[in-house]
Amino acid sequence: MIENVRVVFRVQEVSNGEPWIRLEPVDMGLRVLGGGFLGFELPEGTTINTAEEIAAYLQEKIRSVSYTLP
């Protein structure tokens, strides 16, 4: 079984002000996540501007996210 979903990469700040990148589904989420979400924790000291650049690059280069159950 394969689940496939298109995502948008969004930059958010966590409580300490550090940015991270959250994957938000465009239509519906992956059932395997149970309503949760995935995200990327960035290296300490990453600026919001750098995080936005990374998110834009990912958005350009990644079409969708998949989960495969063997």
N, C-alpha and C. Protein backbone atom coordinates (compact mmCIF):
# COMPACT_ATOMS: atom_id res chain seq x y z
N MET A 1 0.84 -1.18 0.00
CA MET A 1 0.00 0.00 0.00
C MET A 1 0.89 1.25 0.00
N ILE A 2 0.56 2.20 -0.84
CA ILE A 2 1.30 3.46 -0.90
C ILE A 2 0.32 4.61 -0.71
N GLU A 3 0.65 5.50 0.21
CA GLU A 3 -0.09 6.75 0.36
C GLU A 3 0.81 7.86 -0.17
N ASN A 4 0.22 8.75 -0.93
CA ASN A 4 0.97 9.82 -1.56
C ASN A 4 0.19 11.11 -1.37
N VAL A 5 0.87 12.18 -0.96
CA VAL A 5 0.18 13.46 -0.74
C VAL A 5 1.09 14.62 -1.14
N ARG A 6 0.49 15.61 -1.79
CA ARG A 6 1.22 16.84 -2.11
C ARG A 6 1.30 17.68 -0.83
N VAL A 7 2.42 18.35 -0.65
CA VAL A 7 2.61 19.15 0.55
C VAL A 7 3.12 20.55 0.22
N VAL A 8 2.91 21.45 1.18
CA VAL A 8 3.49 22.79 1.15
C VAL A 8 4.47 22.87 2.31
N PHE A 9 5.65 23.40 2.07
CA PHE A 9 6.67 23.55 3.10
C PHE A 9 6.52 24.94 3.72
N ARG A 10 6.16 24.99 5.00
CA ARG A 10 5.92 26.25 5.70
C ARG A 10 6.95 26.44 6.82
N VAL A 11 7.45 27.66 6.93
CA VAL A 11 8.38 27.98 8.01
C VAL A 11 7.58 28.49 9.19
N GLN A 12 7.89 27.95 10.36
CA GLN A 12 7.26 28.39 11.60
C GLN A 12 8.35 28.55 12.65
N GLU A 13 8.06 29.34 13.68
CA GLU A 13 8.99 29.48 14.79
C GLU A 13 8.47 28.65 15.96
N VAL A 14 9.37 27.96 16.62
CA VAL A 14 9.01 27.25 17.84
C VAL A 14 9.11 28.24 19.01
N SER A 15 8.76 27.80 20.20
CA SER A 15 8.67 28.70 21.35
C SER A 15 9.98 29.43 21.66
N ASN A 16 11.12 28.86 21.33
CA ASN A 16 12.39 29.53 21.60
C ASN A 16 12.82 30.47 20.47
N GLY A 17 11.96 30.65 19.46
CA GLY A 17 12.25 31.56 18.36
C GLY A 17 13.00 30.94 17.20
N GLU A 18 13.42 29.68 17.34
CA GLU A 18 14.13 29.00 16.26
C GLU A 18 13.12 28.59 15.18
N PRO A 19 13.49 28.72 13.90
CA PRO A 19 12.58 28.29 12.84
C PRO A 19 12.67 26.78 12.59
N TRP A 20 11.59 26.24 12.09
CA TRP A 20 11.58 24.86 11.61
C TRP A 20 10.64 24.83 10.42
N ILE A 21 10.69 23.76 9.63
CA ILE A 21 9.88 23.66 8.42
C ILE A 21 8.85 22.56 8.62
N ARG A 22 7.60 22.93 8.47
CA ARG A 22 6.48 22.01 8.64
C ARG A 22 5.94 21.63 7.26
N LEU A 23 5.62 20.35 7.08
CA LEU A 23 5.01 19.86 5.84
C LEU A 23 3.50 19.85 6.03
N GLU A 24 2.80 20.69 5.29
CA GLU A 24 1.35 20.77 5.38
C GLU A 24 0.75 20.14 4.13
N PRO A 25 -0.15 19.17 4.30
CA PRO A 25 -0.77 18.54 3.14
C PRO A 25 -1.65 19.52 2.39
N VAL A 26 -1.67 19.41 1.06
CA VAL A 26 -2.48 20.29 0.23
C VAL A 26 -3.95 19.87 0.28
N ASP A 27 -4.23 18.59 0.12
CA ASP A 27 -5.61 18.12 0.09
C ASP A 27 -5.98 17.40 1.38
N MET A 28 -5.34 16.30 1.63
CA MET A 28 -5.58 15.55 2.85
C MET A 28 -4.27 14.95 3.32
N GLY A 29 -4.18 14.67 4.60
CA GLY A 29 -2.93 14.17 5.15
C GLY A 29 -2.75 12.68 4.94
N LEU A 30 -1.57 12.21 5.27
CA LEU A 30 -1.30 10.78 5.24
C LEU A 30 -2.00 10.14 6.43
N ARG A 31 -2.79 9.12 6.17
CA ARG A 31 -3.52 8.46 7.26
C ARG A 31 -2.59 7.93 8.33
N VAL A 32 -1.41 7.50 7.93
CA VAL A 32 -0.46 6.92 8.87
C VAL A 32 -0.07 7.93 9.97
N LEU A 33 -0.19 9.23 9.70
CA LEU A 33 0.18 10.23 10.69
C LEU A 33 -0.93 10.50 11.70
N GLY A 34 -2.12 9.95 11.46
CA GLY A 34 -3.20 10.10 12.42
C GLY A 34 -3.56 11.54 12.74
N GLY A 35 -3.54 12.41 11.76
CA GLY A 35 -3.88 13.81 11.98
C GLY A 35 -2.69 14.66 12.42
N GLY A 36 -1.53 14.03 12.61
CA GLY A 36 -0.33 14.78 12.97
C GLY A 36 0.34 15.33 11.73
N PHE A 37 1.58 15.72 11.86
CA PHE A 37 2.30 16.28 10.73
C PHE A 37 3.78 15.98 10.86
N LEU A 38 4.49 16.22 9.79
CA LEU A 38 5.95 16.05 9.75
C LEU A 38 6.61 17.42 9.68
N GLY A 39 7.84 17.48 10.14
CA GLY A 39 8.57 18.73 10.05
C GLY A 39 10.06 18.48 10.08
N PHE A 40 10.82 19.50 9.71
CA PHE A 40 12.27 19.44 9.72
C PHE A 40 12.81 20.40 10.78
N GLU A 41 13.58 19.86 11.72
CA GLU A 41 14.26 20.69 12.70
C GLU A 41 15.56 21.16 12.06
N LEU A 42 15.78 22.45 12.08
CA LEU A 42 16.95 23.04 11.43
C LEU A 42 18.08 23.24 12.44
N PRO A 43 19.32 23.36 11.96
CA PRO A 43 20.45 23.57 12.88
C PRO A 43 20.26 24.85 13.71
N GLU A 44 20.72 24.80 14.94
CA GLU A 44 20.64 25.95 15.83
C GLU A 44 21.30 27.15 15.17
N GLY A 45 20.66 28.29 15.29
CA GLY A 45 21.20 29.52 14.71
C GLY A 45 20.71 29.81 13.30
N THR A 46 19.93 28.89 12.72
CA THR A 46 19.37 29.13 11.38
C THR A 46 18.43 30.31 11.45
N THR A 47 18.57 31.26 10.54
CA THR A 47 17.69 32.43 10.52
C THR A 47 16.39 32.12 9.81
N ILE A 48 15.41 32.96 10.04
CA ILE A 48 14.12 32.82 9.35
C ILE A 48 14.34 32.93 7.84
N ASN A 49 15.18 33.87 7.41
CA ASN A 49 15.44 34.05 5.98
C ASN A 49 16.03 32.79 5.36
N THR A 50 16.99 32.18 6.05
CA THR A 50 17.59 30.94 5.55
C THR A 50 16.56 29.82 5.52
N ALA A 51 15.75 29.74 6.55
CA ALA A 51 14.69 28.72 6.60
C ALA A 51 13.72 28.90 5.43
N GLU A 52 13.38 30.15 5.12
CA GLU A 52 12.49 30.43 3.98
C GLU A 52 13.13 29.99 2.67
N GLU A 53 14.43 30.22 2.52
CA GLU A 53 15.14 29.79 1.31
C GLU A 53 15.12 28.27 1.19
N ILE A 54 15.35 27.58 2.29
CA ILE A 54 15.32 26.12 2.29
C ILE A 54 13.93 25.62 1.92
N ALA A 55 12.91 26.21 2.52
CA ALA A 55 11.53 25.81 2.25
C ALA A 55 11.18 26.04 0.77
N ALA A 56 11.60 27.15 0.22
CA ALA A 56 11.34 27.45 -1.19
C ALA A 56 12.04 26.43 -2.09
N TYR A 57 13.27 26.07 -1.75
CA TYR A 57 14.01 25.07 -2.53
C TYR A 57 13.28 23.72 -2.48
N LEU A 58 12.87 23.31 -1.28
CA LEU A 58 12.15 22.04 -1.14
C LEU A 58 10.85 22.06 -1.94
N GLN A 59 10.14 23.19 -1.88
CA GLN A 59 8.87 23.30 -2.60
C GLN A 59 9.08 23.14 -4.11
N GLU A 60 10.19 23.68 -4.59
CA GLU A 60 10.50 23.60 -6.01
C GLU A 60 10.90 22.19 -6.43
N LYS A 61 11.61 21.48 -5.57
CA LYS A 61 12.22 20.21 -5.95
C LYS A 61 11.45 18.96 -5.52
N ILE A 62 10.53 19.08 -4.58
CA ILE A 62 9.79 17.90 -4.09
C ILE A 62 8.34 18.02 -4.47
N ARG A 63 7.84 17.04 -5.21
CA ARG A 63 6.47 17.06 -5.69
C ARG A 63 5.47 16.56 -4.68
N SER A 64 5.85 15.48 -3.95
CA SER A 64 4.93 14.91 -2.98
C SER A 64 5.69 14.10 -1.95
N VAL A 65 4.98 13.69 -0.90
CA VAL A 65 5.54 12.85 0.15
C VAL A 65 4.75 11.55 0.14
N SER A 66 5.46 10.43 0.29
CA SER A 66 4.82 9.12 0.24
C SER A 66 5.13 8.30 1.48
N TYR A 67 4.23 7.42 1.80
CA TYR A 67 4.44 6.41 2.83
C TYR A 67 4.12 5.08 2.18
N THR A 68 5.04 4.13 2.31
CA THR A 68 4.85 2.81 1.71
C THR A 68 4.84 1.76 2.79
N LEU A 69 3.79 0.97 2.80
CA LEU A 69 3.70 -0.15 3.72
C LEU A 69 4.06 -1.41 2.97
N PRO A 70 5.10 -2.13 3.45
CA PRO A 70 5.54 -3.33 2.70
C PRO A 70 4.49 -4.42 2.70
